[in-house]
Amino acid sequence: MANTLDTANAASAAANPGAPIPRSRWLRMGTLIFLAYLGCYVDRSNISVAAPDMVRDFGMTGVVTGFLLAAFFWGYVVMQIPGGWLANRFGPKWVIVGITASPPDSPRPTTTSSRSAS
């Protein structure tokens, strides 16, 4: 019964742009946004936990370690202007749909070494 009411509320909100957004929609979107943010935060935090071992194992300097830890922000820096322009030109909904629907990188073919193992 509640699902039918949510569908009816969503349909009436679509028909009347000034209508308030149903609470269930806020809860669903809020939960999805929270989970996405949590995943990004955990991903960023993991590399800082592993950094001391990486410095020791690979003999990295402080500068290299700084660049490695800042790597997550380079994508944000590079895409701020083009992303804003695309969102203004096509709308944020279509930009997000386009990014989400874009195909992943194609797998690289594996190469075998021609040298013998002698």
PDB file of N, CA and C in Angstrom:
ATOM      1  N   MET A   1       0.827  -1.194   0.000  1.00  0.00           N
ATOM      2  CA  MET A   1       0.000   0.000   0.000  1.00  0.00           C
ATOM      3  C   MET A   1       0.865   1.249   0.000  1.00  0.00           C
ATOM      4  N   ALA A   2       1.933   1.232   0.805  1.00  0.00           N
ATOM      5  CA  ALA A   2       2.804   2.409   0.875  1.00  0.00           C
ATOM      6  C   ALA A   2       3.488   2.650  -0.465  1.00  0.00           C
ATOM      7  N   ASN A   3       3.843   1.571  -1.179  1.00  0.00           N
ATOM      8  CA  ASN A   3       4.493   1.714  -2.465  1.00  0.00           C
ATOM      9  C   ASN A   3       3.561   2.372  -3.471  1.00  0.00           C
ATOM     10  N   THR A   4       2.271   2.034  -3.414  1.00  0.00           N
ATOM     11  CA  THR A   4       1.292   2.651  -4.301  1.00  0.00           C
ATOM     12  C   THR A   4       1.178   4.135  -4.011  1.00  0.00           C
ATOM     13  N   LEU A   5       1.204   4.511  -2.734  1.00  0.00           N
ATOM     14  CA  LEU A   5       1.140   5.920  -2.371  1.00  0.00           C
ATOM     15  C   LEU A   5       2.391   6.663  -2.825  1.00  0.00           C
ATOM     16  N   ASP A   6       3.571   6.035  -2.702  1.00  0.00           N
ATOM     17  CA  ASP A   6       4.803   6.663  -3.159  1.00  0.00           C
ATOM     18  C   ASP A   6       4.760   6.915  -4.657  1.00  0.00           C
ATOM     19  N   THR A   7       4.246   5.923  -5.411  1.00  0.00           N
ATOM     20  CA  THR A   7       4.144   6.070  -6.855  1.00  0.00           C
ATOM     21  C   THR A   7       3.167   7.185  -7.204  1.00  0.00           C
ATOM     22  N   ALA A   8       2.066   7.250  -6.488  1.00  0.00           N
ATOM     23  CA  ALA A   8       1.081   8.300  -6.731  1.00  0.00           C
ATOM     24  C   ALA A   8       1.671   9.663  -6.386  1.00  0.00           C
ATOM     25  N   ASN A   9       2.412   9.756  -5.273  1.00  0.00           N
ATOM     26  CA  ASN A   9       3.042  11.022  -4.899  1.00  0.00           C
ATOM     27  C   ASN A   9       4.086  11.440  -5.923  1.00  0.00           C
ATOM     28  N   ALA A  10       4.866  10.477  -6.412  1.00  0.00           N
ATOM     29  CA  ALA A  10       5.885  10.792  -7.412  1.00  0.00           C
ATOM     30  C   ALA A  10       5.236  11.256  -8.710  1.00  0.00           C
ATOM     31  N   ALA A  11       4.149  10.618  -9.099  1.00  0.00           N
ATOM     32  CA  ALA A  11       3.452  11.008 -10.322  1.00  0.00           C
ATOM     33  C   ALA A  11       2.858  12.402 -10.171  1.00  0.00           C
ATOM     34  N   SER A  12       2.296  12.709  -9.001  1.00  0.00           N
ATOM     35  CA  SER A  12       1.724  14.040  -8.814  1.00  0.00           C
ATOM     36  C   SER A  12       2.822  15.093  -8.732  1.00  0.00           C
ATOM     37  N   ALA A  13       3.988  14.736  -8.183  1.00  0.00           N
ATOM     38  CA  ALA A  13       5.106  15.682  -8.126  1.00  0.00           C
ATOM     39  C   ALA A  13       5.637  15.961  -9.522  1.00  0.00           C
ATOM     40  N   ALA A  14       5.637  14.963 -10.397  1.00  0.00           N
ATOM     41  CA  ALA A  14       6.089  15.164 -11.766  1.00  0.00           C
ATOM     42  C   ALA A  14       5.113  16.056 -12.530  1.00  0.00           C
ATOM     43  N   ALA A  15       3.820  15.896 -12.241  1.00  0.00           N
ATOM     44  CA  ALA A  15       2.815  16.698 -12.914  1.00  0.00           C
ATOM     45  C   ALA A  15       2.811  18.134 -12.392  1.00  0.00           C
ATOM     46  N   ASN A  16       3.183  18.327 -11.122  1.00  0.00           N
ATOM     47  CA  ASN A  16       3.183  19.647 -10.506  1.00  0.00           C
ATOM     48  C   ASN A  16       4.590  19.928  -9.968  1.00  0.00           C
ATOM     49  N   PRO A  17       5.414  20.657 -10.715  1.00  0.00           N
ATOM     50  CA  PRO A  17       6.794  20.881 -10.294  1.00  0.00           C
ATOM     51  C   PRO A  17       6.926  21.604  -8.959  1.00  0.00           C
ATOM     52  N   GLY A  18       5.930  22.299  -8.500  1.00  0.00           N
ATOM     53  CA  GLY A  18       5.992  23.019  -7.238  1.00  0.00           C
ATOM     54  C   GLY A  18       5.609  22.167  -6.035  1.00  0.00           C
ATOM     55  N   ALA A  19       5.184  20.920  -6.278  1.00  0.00           N
ATOM     56  CA  ALA A  19       4.760  20.037  -5.187  1.00  0.00           C
ATOM     57  C   ALA A  19       5.967  19.583  -4.375  1.00  0.00           C
ATOM     58  N   PRO A  20       5.783  19.354  -3.079  1.00  0.00           N
ATOM     59  CA  PRO A  20       6.908  18.875  -2.261  1.00  0.00           C
ATOM     60  C   PRO A  20       7.317  17.463  -2.653  1.00  0.00           C
ATOM     61  N   ILE A  21       8.590  17.168  -2.478  1.00  0.00           N
ATOM     62  CA  ILE A  21       9.125  15.840  -2.801  1.00  0.00           C
ATOM     63  C   ILE A  21       8.777  14.892  -1.653  1.00  0.00           C
ATOM     64  N   PRO A  22       8.290  13.694  -1.976  1.00  0.00           N
ATOM     65  CA  PRO A  22       7.907  12.741  -0.922  1.00  0.00           C
ATOM     66  C   PRO A  22       9.101  12.364  -0.036  1.00  0.00           C
ATOM     67  N   ARG A  23       8.817  12.123   1.231  1.00  0.00           N
ATOM     68  CA  ARG A  23       9.860  11.794   2.216  1.00  0.00           C
ATOM     69  C   ARG A  23      10.606  10.511   1.852  1.00  0.00           C
ATOM     70  N   SER A  24       9.900   9.533   1.316  1.00  0.00           N
ATOM     71  CA  SER A  24      10.545   8.261   0.970  1.00  0.00           C
ATOM     72  C   SER A  24      11.608   8.463  -0.113  1.00  0.00           C
ATOM     73  N   ARG A  25      11.355   9.391  -1.013  1.00  0.00           N
ATOM     74  CA  ARG A  25      12.340   9.674  -2.057  1.00  0.00           C
ATOM     75  C   ARG A  25      13.599  10.282  -1.453  1.00  0.00           C
ATOM     76  N   TRP A  26      13.434  11.191  -0.498  1.00  0.00           N
ATOM     77  CA  TRP A  26      14.585  11.785   0.186  1.00  0.00           C
ATOM     78  C   TRP A  26      15.381  10.710   0.915  1.00  0.00           C
ATOM     79  N   LEU A  27      14.690   9.783   1.561  1.00  0.00           N
ATOM     80  CA  LEU A  27      15.373   8.729   2.296  1.00  0.00           C
ATOM     81  C   LEU A  27      16.154   7.805   1.370  1.00  0.00           C
ATOM     82  N   ARG A  28      15.555   7.426   0.245  1.00  0.00           N
ATOM     83  CA  ARG A  28      16.254   6.552  -0.706  1.00  0.00           C
ATOM     84  C   ARG A  28      17.474   7.248  -1.295  1.00  0.00           C
ATOM     85  N   MET A  29      17.302   8.477  -1.741  1.00  0.00           N
ATOM     86  CA  MET A  29      18.428   9.204  -2.337  1.00  0.00           C
ATOM     87  C   MET A  29      19.494   9.507  -1.293  1.00  0.00           C
ATOM     88  N   GLY A  30      19.072   9.868  -0.088  1.00  0.00           N
ATOM     89  CA  GLY A  30      20.034  10.140   0.976  1.00  0.00           C
ATOM     90  C   GLY A  30      20.855   8.910   1.319  1.00  0.00           C
ATOM     91  N   THR A  31      20.208   7.751   1.342  1.00  0.00           N
ATOM     92  CA  THR A  31      20.921   6.505   1.634  1.00  0.00           C
ATOM     93  C   THR A  31      21.927   6.184   0.539  1.00  0.00           C
ATOM     94  N   LEU A  32      21.536   6.337  -0.722  1.00  0.00           N
ATOM     95  CA  LEU A  32      22.455   6.079  -1.832  1.00  0.00           C
ATOM     96  C   LEU A  32      23.642   7.042  -1.815  1.00  0.00           C
ATOM     97  N   ILE A  33      23.379   8.314  -1.560  1.00  0.00           N
ATOM     98  CA  ILE A  33      24.462   9.293  -1.512  1.00  0.00           C
ATOM     99  C   ILE A  33      25.398   8.985  -0.352  1.00  0.00           C
ATOM    100  N   PHE A  34      24.843   8.630   0.798  1.00  0.00           N
ATOM    101  CA  PHE A  34      25.659   8.280   1.953  1.00  0.00           C
ATOM    102  C   PHE A  34      26.553   7.078   1.653  1.00  0.00           C
ATOM    103  N   LEU A  35      25.997   6.039   1.039  1.00  0.00           N
ATOM    104  CA  LEU A  35      26.793   4.852   0.724  1.00  0.00           C
ATOM    105  C   LEU A  35      27.894   5.156  -0.295  1.00  0.00           C
ATOM    106  N   ALA A  36      27.592   5.993  -1.288  1.00  0.00           N
ATOM    107  CA  ALA A  36      28.616   6.369  -2.265  1.00  0.00           C
ATOM    108  C   ALA A  36      29.735   7.161  -1.598  1.00  0.00           C
ATOM    109  N   TYR A  37      29.370   8.098  -0.735  1.00  0.00           N
ATOM    110  CA  TYR A  37      30.373   8.887  -0.035  1.00  0.00           C
ATOM    111  C   TYR A  37      31.205   8.010   0.890  1.00  0.00           C
ATOM    112  N   LEU A  38      30.562   7.076   1.570  1.00  0.00           N
ATOM    113  CA  LEU A  38      31.269   6.168   2.468  1.00  0.00           C
ATOM    114  C   LEU A  38      32.287   5.332   1.698  1.00  0.00           C
ATOM    115  N   GLY A  39      31.893   4.830   0.537  1.00  0.00           N
ATOM    116  CA  GLY A  39      32.823   4.055  -0.285  1.00  0.00           C
ATOM    117  C   GLY A  39      34.025   4.872  -0.719  1.00  0.00           C
ATOM    118  N   CYS A  40      33.792   6.113  -1.135  1.00  0.00           N
ATOM    119  CA  CYS A  40      34.907   6.988  -1.534  1.00  0.00           C
ATOM    120  C   CYS A  40      35.810   7.296  -0.357  1.00  0.00           C
ATOM    121  N   TYR A  41      35.235   7.528   0.798  1.00  0.00           N
ATOM    122  CA  TYR A  41      36.023   7.844   1.984  1.00  0.00           C
ATOM    123  C   TYR A  41      36.892   6.660   2.398  1.00  0.00           C
ATOM    124  N   VAL A  42      36.314   5.467   2.385  1.00  0.00           N
ATOM    125  CA  VAL A  42      37.074   4.271   2.739  1.00  0.00           C
ATOM    126  C   VAL A  42      38.209   4.056   1.743  1.00  0.00           C
ATOM    127  N   ASP A  43      37.931   4.266   0.465  1.00  0.00           N
ATOM    128  CA  ASP A  43      38.954   4.098  -0.565  1.00  0.00           C
ATOM    129  C   ASP A  43      40.108   5.075  -0.354  1.00  0.00           C
ATOM    130  N   ARG A  44      39.784   6.324  -0.058  1.00  0.00           N
ATOM    131  CA  ARG A  44      40.830   7.329   0.191  1.00  0.00           C
ATOM    132  C   ARG A  44      41.606   7.014   1.447  1.00  0.00           C
ATOM    133  N   SER A  45      40.927   6.524   2.463  1.00  0.00           N
ATOM    134  CA  SER A  45      41.592   6.234   3.741  1.00  0.00           C
ATOM    135  C   SER A  45      42.514   5.028   3.654  1.00  0.00           C
ATOM    136  N   ASN A  46      42.156   4.051   2.844  1.00  0.00           N
ATOM    137  CA  ASN A  46      42.967   2.838   2.750  1.00  0.00           C
ATOM    138  C   ASN A  46      44.381   3.120   2.286  1.00  0.00           C
ATOM    139  N   ILE A  47      44.538   4.015   1.336  1.00  0.00           N
ATOM    140  CA  ILE A  47      45.889   4.274   0.831  1.00  0.00           C
ATOM    141  C   ILE A  47      46.752   4.969   1.886  1.00  0.00           C
ATOM    142  N   SER A  48      46.159   5.789   2.743  1.00  0.00           N
ATOM    143  CA  SER A  48      46.957   6.435   3.785  1.00  0.00           C
ATOM    144  C   SER A  48      47.371   5.433   4.863  1.00  0.00           C
ATOM    145  N   VAL A  49      46.577   4.394   5.058  1.00  0.00           N
ATOM    146  CA  VAL A  49      46.953   3.342   6.005  1.00  0.00           C
ATOM    147  C   VAL A  49      48.098   2.503   5.421  1.00  0.00           C
ATOM    148  N   ALA A  50      48.064   2.267   4.124  1.00  0.00           N
ATOM    149  CA  ALA A  50      49.089   1.450   3.479  1.00  0.00           C
ATOM    150  C   ALA A  50      50.353   2.242   3.149  1.00  0.00           C
ATOM    151  N   ALA A  51      50.320   3.576   3.213  1.00  0.00           N
ATOM    152  CA  ALA A  51      51.450   4.402   2.793  1.00  0.00           C
ATOM    153  C   ALA A  51      52.749   4.094   3.522  1.00  0.00           C
ATOM    154  N   PRO A  52      52.773   3.928   4.843  1.00  0.00           N
ATOM    155  CA  PRO A  52      54.062   3.637   5.495  1.00  0.00           C
ATOM    156  C   PRO A  52      54.734   2.361   4.977  1.00  0.00           C
ATOM    157  N   ASP A  53      53.954   1.319   4.750  1.00  0.00           N
ATOM    158  CA  ASP A  53      54.532   0.086   4.206  1.00  0.00           C
ATOM    159  C   ASP A  53      55.010   0.282   2.776  1.00  0.00           C
ATOM    160  N   MET A  54      54.253   1.062   1.987  1.00  0.00           N
ATOM    161  CA  MET A  54      54.656   1.327   0.609  1.00  0.00           C
ATOM    162  C   MET A  54      55.952   2.135   0.569  1.00  0.00           C
ATOM    163  N   VAL A  55      56.098   3.100   1.465  1.00  0.00           N
ATOM    164  CA  VAL A  55      57.324   3.894   1.525  1.00  0.00           C
ATOM    165  C   VAL A  55      58.509   2.982   1.836  1.00  0.00           C
ATOM    166  N   ARG A  56      58.330   2.094   2.791  1.00  0.00           N
ATOM    167  CA  ARG A  56      59.411   1.190   3.176  1.00  0.00           C
ATOM    168  C   ARG A  56      59.736   0.198   2.059  1.00  0.00           C
ATOM    169  N   ASP A  57      58.707  -0.416   1.469  1.00  0.00           N
ATOM    170  CA  ASP A  57      58.936  -1.448   0.456  1.00  0.00           C
ATOM    171  C   ASP A  57      59.506  -0.894  -0.847  1.00  0.00           C
ATOM    172  N   PHE A  58      59.037   0.285  -1.261  1.00  0.00           N
ATOM    173  CA  PHE A  58      59.463   0.838  -2.541  1.00  0.00           C
ATOM    174  C   PHE A  58      60.523   1.921  -2.415  1.00  0.00           C
ATOM    175  N   GLY A  59      60.896   2.276  -1.191  1.00  0.00           N
ATOM    176  CA  GLY A  59      61.917   3.291  -0.980  1.00  0.00           C
ATOM    177  C   GLY A  59      61.507   4.658  -1.506  1.00  0.00           C
ATOM    178  N   MET A  60      60.269   5.040  -1.321  1.00  0.00           N
ATOM    179  CA  MET A  60      59.767   6.314  -1.850  1.00  0.00           C
ATOM    180  C   MET A  60      60.194   7.476  -0.964  1.00  0.00           C
ATOM    181  N   THR A  61      60.383   8.628  -1.582  1.00  0.00           N
ATOM    182  CA  THR A  61      60.692   9.847  -0.832  1.00  0.00           C
ATOM    183  C   THR A  61      59.397  10.480  -0.356  1.00  0.00           C
ATOM    184  N   GLY A  62      59.524  11.509   0.471  1.00  0.00           N
ATOM    185  CA  GLY A  62      58.345  12.211   0.964  1.00  0.00           C
ATOM    186  C   GLY A  62      57.555  12.887  -0.149  1.00  0.00           C
ATOM    187  N   VAL A  63      58.273  13.399  -1.152  1.00  0.00           N
ATOM    188  CA  VAL A  63      57.597  14.065  -2.275  1.00  0.00           C
ATOM    189  C   VAL A  63      56.770  13.059  -3.066  1.00  0.00           C
ATOM    190  N   VAL A  64      57.346  11.914  -3.351  1.00  0.00           N
ATOM    191  CA  VAL A  64      56.623  10.884  -4.111  1.00  0.00           C
ATOM    192  C   VAL A  64      55.413  10.399  -3.317  1.00  0.00           C
ATOM    193  N   THR A  65      55.587  10.222  -2.017  1.00  0.00           N
ATOM    194  CA  THR A  65      54.474   9.804  -1.170  1.00  0.00           C
ATOM    195  C   THR A  65      53.363  10.848  -1.185  1.00  0.00           C
ATOM    196  N   GLY A  66      53.736  12.118  -1.154  1.00  0.00           N
ATOM    197  CA  GLY A  66      52.737  13.191  -1.216  1.00  0.00           C
ATOM    198  C   GLY A  66      51.957  13.168  -2.514  1.00  0.00           C
ATOM    199  N   PHE A  67      52.662  12.962  -3.632  1.00  0.00           N
ATOM    200  CA  PHE A  67      51.969  12.868  -4.916  1.00  0.00           C
ATOM    201  C   PHE A  67      51.044  11.651  -4.954  1.00  0.00           C
ATOM    202  N   LEU A  68      51.491  10.553  -4.392  1.00  0.00           N
ATOM    203  CA  LEU A  68      50.664   9.352  -4.362  1.00  0.00           C
ATOM    204  C   LEU A  68      49.388   9.569  -3.548  1.00  0.00           C
ATOM    205  N   LEU A  69      49.532  10.194  -2.374  1.00  0.00           N
ATOM    206  CA  LEU A  69      48.355  10.428  -1.537  1.00  0.00           C
ATOM    207  C   LEU A  69      47.425  11.485  -2.130  1.00  0.00           C
ATOM    208  N   ALA A  70      47.971  12.386  -2.946  1.00  0.00           N
ATOM    209  CA  ALA A  70      47.146  13.418  -3.580  1.00  0.00           C
ATOM    210  C   ALA A  70      46.513  12.939  -4.884  1.00  0.00           C
ATOM    211  N   ALA A  71      46.820  11.719  -5.309  1.00  0.00           N
ATOM    212  CA  ALA A  71      46.350  11.227  -6.602  1.00  0.00           C
ATOM    213  C   ALA A  71      44.827  11.210  -6.715  1.00  0.00           C
ATOM    214  N   PHE A  72      44.126  11.012  -5.612  1.00  0.00           N
ATOM    215  CA  PHE A  72      42.668  10.972  -5.675  1.00  0.00           C
ATOM    216  C   PHE A  72      42.082  12.339  -6.036  1.00  0.00           C
ATOM    217  N   PHE A  73      42.792  13.399  -5.755  1.00  0.00           N
ATOM    218  CA  PHE A  73      42.265  14.736  -6.013  1.00  0.00           C
ATOM    219  C   PHE A  73      42.599  15.240  -7.411  1.00  0.00           C
ATOM    220  N   TRP A  74      43.570  14.630  -8.098  1.00  0.00           N
ATOM    221  CA  TRP A  74      43.915  15.091  -9.438  1.00  0.00           C
ATOM    222  C   TRP A  74      42.748  14.937 -10.403  1.00  0.00           C
ATOM    223  N   GLY A  75      41.997  13.870 -10.280  1.00  0.00           N
ATOM    224  CA  GLY A  75      40.820  13.694 -11.136  1.00  0.00           C
ATOM    225  C   GLY A  75      39.787  14.780 -10.914  1.00  0.00           C
ATOM    226  N   TYR A  76      39.608  15.204  -9.661  1.00  0.00           N
ATOM    227  CA  TYR A  76      38.684  16.295  -9.363  1.00  0.00           C
ATOM    228  C   TYR A  76      39.194  17.596  -9.977  1.00  0.00           C
ATOM    229  N   VAL A  77      40.477  17.851  -9.821  1.00  0.00           N
ATOM    230  CA  VAL A  77      41.069  19.098 -10.324  1.00  0.00           C
ATOM    231  C   VAL A  77      40.922  19.179 -11.836  1.00  0.00           C
ATOM    232  N   VAL A  78      41.252  18.108 -12.513  1.00  0.00           N
ATOM    233  CA  VAL A  78      41.242  18.102 -13.972  1.00  0.00           C
ATOM    234  C   VAL A  78      39.820  18.223 -14.528  1.00  0.00           C
ATOM    235  N   MET A  79      38.828  17.637 -13.860  1.00  0.00           N
ATOM    236  CA  MET A  79      37.479  17.578 -14.423  1.00  0.00           C
ATOM    237  C   MET A  79      36.518  18.654 -13.927  1.00  0.00           C
ATOM    238  N   GLN A  80      36.943  19.563 -13.063  1.00  0.00           N
ATOM    239  CA  GLN A  80      36.039  20.594 -12.556  1.00  0.00           C
ATOM    240  C   GLN A  80      35.485  21.476 -13.672  1.00  0.00           C
ATOM    241  N   ILE A  81      36.350  22.058 -14.477  1.00  0.00           N
ATOM    242  CA  ILE A  81      35.898  22.977 -15.534  1.00  0.00           C
ATOM    243  C   ILE A  81      35.115  22.248 -16.625  1.00  0.00           C
ATOM    244  N   PRO A  82      35.635  21.153 -17.215  1.00  0.00           N
ATOM    245  CA  PRO A  82      34.835  20.467 -18.236  1.00  0.00           C
ATOM    246  C   PRO A  82      33.519  19.913 -17.690  1.00  0.00           C
ATOM    247  N   GLY A  83      33.538  19.394 -16.460  1.00  0.00           N
ATOM    248  CA  GLY A  83      32.304  18.862 -15.879  1.00  0.00           C
ATOM    249  C   GLY A  83      31.259  19.942 -15.671  1.00  0.00           C
ATOM    250  N   GLY A  84      31.676  21.110 -15.202  1.00  0.00           N
ATOM    251  CA  GLY A  84      30.749  22.230 -15.036  1.00  0.00           C
ATOM    252  C   GLY A  84      30.194  22.707 -16.357  1.00  0.00           C
ATOM    253  N   TRP A  85      31.063  22.774 -17.370  1.00  0.00           N
ATOM    254  CA  TRP A  85      30.613  23.211 -18.693  1.00  0.00           C
ATOM    255  C   TRP A  85      29.595  22.219 -19.251  1.00  0.00           C
ATOM    256  N   LEU A  86      29.895  20.914 -19.135  1.00  0.00           N
ATOM    257  CA  LEU A  86      28.963  19.898 -19.633  1.00  0.00           C
ATOM    258  C   LEU A  86      27.633  19.941 -18.885  1.00  0.00           C
ATOM    259  N   ALA A  87      27.687  20.150 -17.576  1.00  0.00           N
ATOM    260  CA  ALA A  87      26.448  20.220 -16.796  1.00  0.00           C
ATOM    261  C   ALA A  87      25.620  21.441 -17.185  1.00  0.00           C
ATOM    262  N   ASN A  88      26.266  22.558 -17.469  1.00  0.00           N
ATOM    263  CA  ASN A  88      25.526  23.739 -17.923  1.00  0.00           C
ATOM    264  C   ASN A  88      24.956  23.543 -19.319  1.00  0.00           C
ATOM    265  N   ARG A  89      25.682  22.858 -20.159  1.00  0.00           N
ATOM    266  CA  ARG A  89      25.248  22.689 -21.554  1.00  0.00           C
ATOM    267  C   ARG A  89      24.139  21.643 -21.695  1.00  0.00           C
ATOM    268  N   PHE A  90      24.309  20.478 -21.036  1.00  0.00           N
ATOM    269  CA  PHE A  90      23.376  19.371 -21.230  1.00  0.00           C
ATOM    270  C   PHE A  90      22.495  19.096 -20.018  1.00  0.00           C
ATOM    271  N   GLY A  91      22.813  19.660 -18.881  1.00  0.00           N
ATOM    272  CA  GLY A  91      22.068  19.411 -17.647  1.00  0.00           C
ATOM    273  C   GLY A  91      22.773  18.355 -16.811  1.00  0.00           C
ATOM    274  N   PRO A  92      22.718  18.507 -15.494  1.00  0.00           N
ATOM    275  CA  PRO A  92      23.446  17.581 -14.621  1.00  0.00           C
ATOM    276  C   PRO A  92      22.967  16.136 -14.730  1.00  0.00           C
ATOM    277  N   LYS A  93      21.678  15.949 -14.960  1.00  0.00           N
ATOM    278  CA  LYS A  93      21.142  14.590 -15.056  1.00  0.00           C
ATOM    279  C   LYS A  93      21.795  13.830 -16.197  1.00  0.00           C
ATOM    280  N   TRP A  94      21.914  14.458 -17.376  1.00  0.00           N
ATOM    281  CA  TRP A  94      22.467  13.767 -18.532  1.00  0.00           C
ATOM    282  C   TRP A  94      23.968  13.574 -18.414  1.00  0.00           C
ATOM    283  N   VAL A  95      24.640  14.475 -17.732  1.00  0.00           N
ATOM    284  CA  VAL A  95      26.082  14.296 -17.519  1.00  0.00           C
ATOM    285  C   VAL A  95      26.324  13.089 -16.615  1.00  0.00           C
ATOM    286  N   ILE A  96      25.560  12.976 -15.531  1.00  0.00           N
ATOM    287  CA  ILE A  96      25.713  11.837 -14.622  1.00  0.00           C
ATOM    288  C   ILE A  96      25.339  10.538 -15.325  1.00  0.00           C
ATOM    289  N   VAL A  97      24.273  10.543 -16.114  1.00  0.00           N
ATOM    290  CA  VAL A  97      23.877   9.347 -16.858  1.00  0.00           C
ATOM    291  C   VAL A  97      24.980   8.966 -17.843  1.00  0.00           C
ATOM    292  N   GLY A  98      25.553   9.947 -18.524  1.00  0.00           N
ATOM    293  CA  GLY A  98      26.616   9.664 -19.495  1.00  0.00           C
ATOM    294  C   GLY A  98      27.861   9.096 -18.844  1.00  0.00           C
ATOM    295  N   ILE A  99      28.231   9.631 -17.691  1.00  0.00           N
ATOM    296  CA  ILE A  99      29.414   9.126 -16.996  1.00  0.00           C
ATOM    297  C   ILE A  99      29.158   7.715 -16.475  1.00  0.00           C
ATOM    298  N   THR A 100      27.970   7.489 -15.956  1.00  0.00           N
ATOM    299  CA  THR A 100      27.635   6.186 -15.403  1.00  0.00           C
ATOM    300  C   THR A 100      27.534   5.128 -16.495  1.00  0.00           C
ATOM    301  N   ALA A 101      27.011   5.493 -17.644  1.00  0.00           N
ATOM    302  CA  ALA A 101      26.795   4.536 -18.720  1.00  0.00           C
ATOM    303  C   ALA A 101      28.013   4.365 -19.617  1.00  0.00           C
ATOM    304  N   SER A 102      29.061   5.148 -19.417  1.00  0.00           N
ATOM    305  CA  SER A 102      30.229   5.023 -20.286  1.00  0.00           C
ATOM    306  C   SER A 102      30.886   3.665 -20.063  1.00  0.00           C
ATOM    307  N   PRO A 103      31.388   3.074 -21.142  1.00  0.00           N
ATOM    308  CA  PRO A 103      31.973   1.733 -21.006  1.00  0.00           C
ATOM    309  C   PRO A 103      33.285   1.784 -20.221  1.00  0.00           C
ATOM    310  N   PRO A 104      33.588   0.733 -19.509  1.00  0.00           N
ATOM    311  CA  PRO A 104      34.851   0.697 -18.770  1.00  0.00           C
ATOM    312  C   PRO A 104      36.026   0.563 -19.726  1.00  0.00           C
ATOM    313  N   ASP A 105      37.218   0.752 -19.206  1.00  0.00           N
ATOM    314  CA  ASP A 105      38.407   0.575 -20.030  1.00  0.00           C
ATOM    315  C   ASP A 105      38.433  -0.834 -20.587  1.00  0.00           C
ATOM    316  N   SER A 106      38.881  -0.928 -21.832  1.00  0.00           N
ATOM    317  CA  SER A 106      38.974  -2.257 -22.414  1.00  0.00           C
ATOM    318  C   SER A 106      40.176  -2.985 -21.820  1.00  0.00           C
ATOM    319  N   PRO A 107      40.067  -4.283 -21.642  1.00  0.00           N
ATOM    320  CA  PRO A 107      41.193  -5.019 -21.070  1.00  0.00           C
ATOM    321  C   PRO A 107      42.373  -5.009 -22.022  1.00  0.00           C
ATOM    322  N   ARG A 108      43.548  -4.909 -21.456  1.00  0.00           N
ATOM    323  CA  ARG A 108      44.756  -4.907 -22.273  1.00  0.00           C
ATOM    324  C   ARG A 108      45.137  -6.343 -22.573  1.00  0.00           C
ATOM    325  N   PRO A 109      45.582  -6.581 -23.795  1.00  0.00           N
ATOM    326  CA  PRO A 109      45.984  -7.956 -24.115  1.00  0.00           C
ATOM    327  C   PRO A 109      47.242  -8.323 -23.335  1.00  0.00           C
ATOM    328  N   THR A 110      47.288  -9.552 -22.917  1.00  0.00           N
ATOM    329  CA  THR A 110      48.473  -9.998 -22.197  1.00  0.00           C
ATOM    330  C   THR A 110      49.556 -10.347 -23.200  1.00  0.00           C
ATOM    331  N   THR A 111      50.772 -10.006 -22.855  1.00  0.00           N
ATOM    332  CA  THR A 111      51.886 -10.321 -23.740  1.00  0.00           C
ATOM    333  C   THR A 111      52.765 -11.342 -23.050  1.00  0.00           C
ATOM    334  N   THR A 112      53.325 -12.203 -23.833  1.00  0.00           N
ATOM    335  CA  THR A 112      54.232 -13.192 -23.277  1.00  0.00           C
ATOM    336  C   THR A 112      55.642 -12.803 -23.655  1.00  0.00           C
ATOM    337  N   SER A 113      56.551 -13.078 -22.809  1.00  0.00           N
ATOM    338  CA  SER A 113      57.944 -12.749 -23.053  1.00  0.00           C
ATOM    339  C   SER A 113      58.530 -13.733 -24.040  1.00  0.00           C
ATOM    340  N   SER A 114      59.348 -13.228 -24.962  1.00  0.00           N
ATOM    341  CA  SER A 114      59.970 -14.099 -25.956  1.00  0.00           C
ATOM    342  C   SER A 114      61.273 -14.672 -25.436  1.00  0.00           C
ATOM    343  N   ARG A 115      61.720 -14.176 -24.276  1.00  0.00           N
ATOM    344  CA  ARG A 115      62.972 -14.705 -23.718  1.00  0.00           C
ATOM    345  C   ARG A 115      62.715 -16.025 -23.012  1.00  0.00           C
ATOM    346  N   SER A 116      63.680 -16.889 -23.087  1.00  0.00           N
ATOM    347  CA  SER A 116      63.532 -18.170 -22.403  1.00  0.00           C
ATOM    348  C   SER A 116      63.902 -18.014 -20.945  1.00  0.00           C
ATOM    349  N   ALA A 117      63.448 -18.913 -20.108  1.00  0.00           N
ATOM    350  CA  ALA A 117      63.646 -18.852 -18.672  1.00  0.00           C
ATOM    351  C   ALA A 117      64.905 -19.592 -18.248  1.00  0.00           C
ATOM    352  N   SER A 118      65.922 -19.676 -19.087  1.00  0.00           N
ATOM    353  CA  SER A 118      67.124 -20.422 -18.724  1.00  0.00           C
ATOM    354  C   SER A 118      68.094 -19.639 -17.887  1.00  0.00           C
TER     355      SER A 118
END
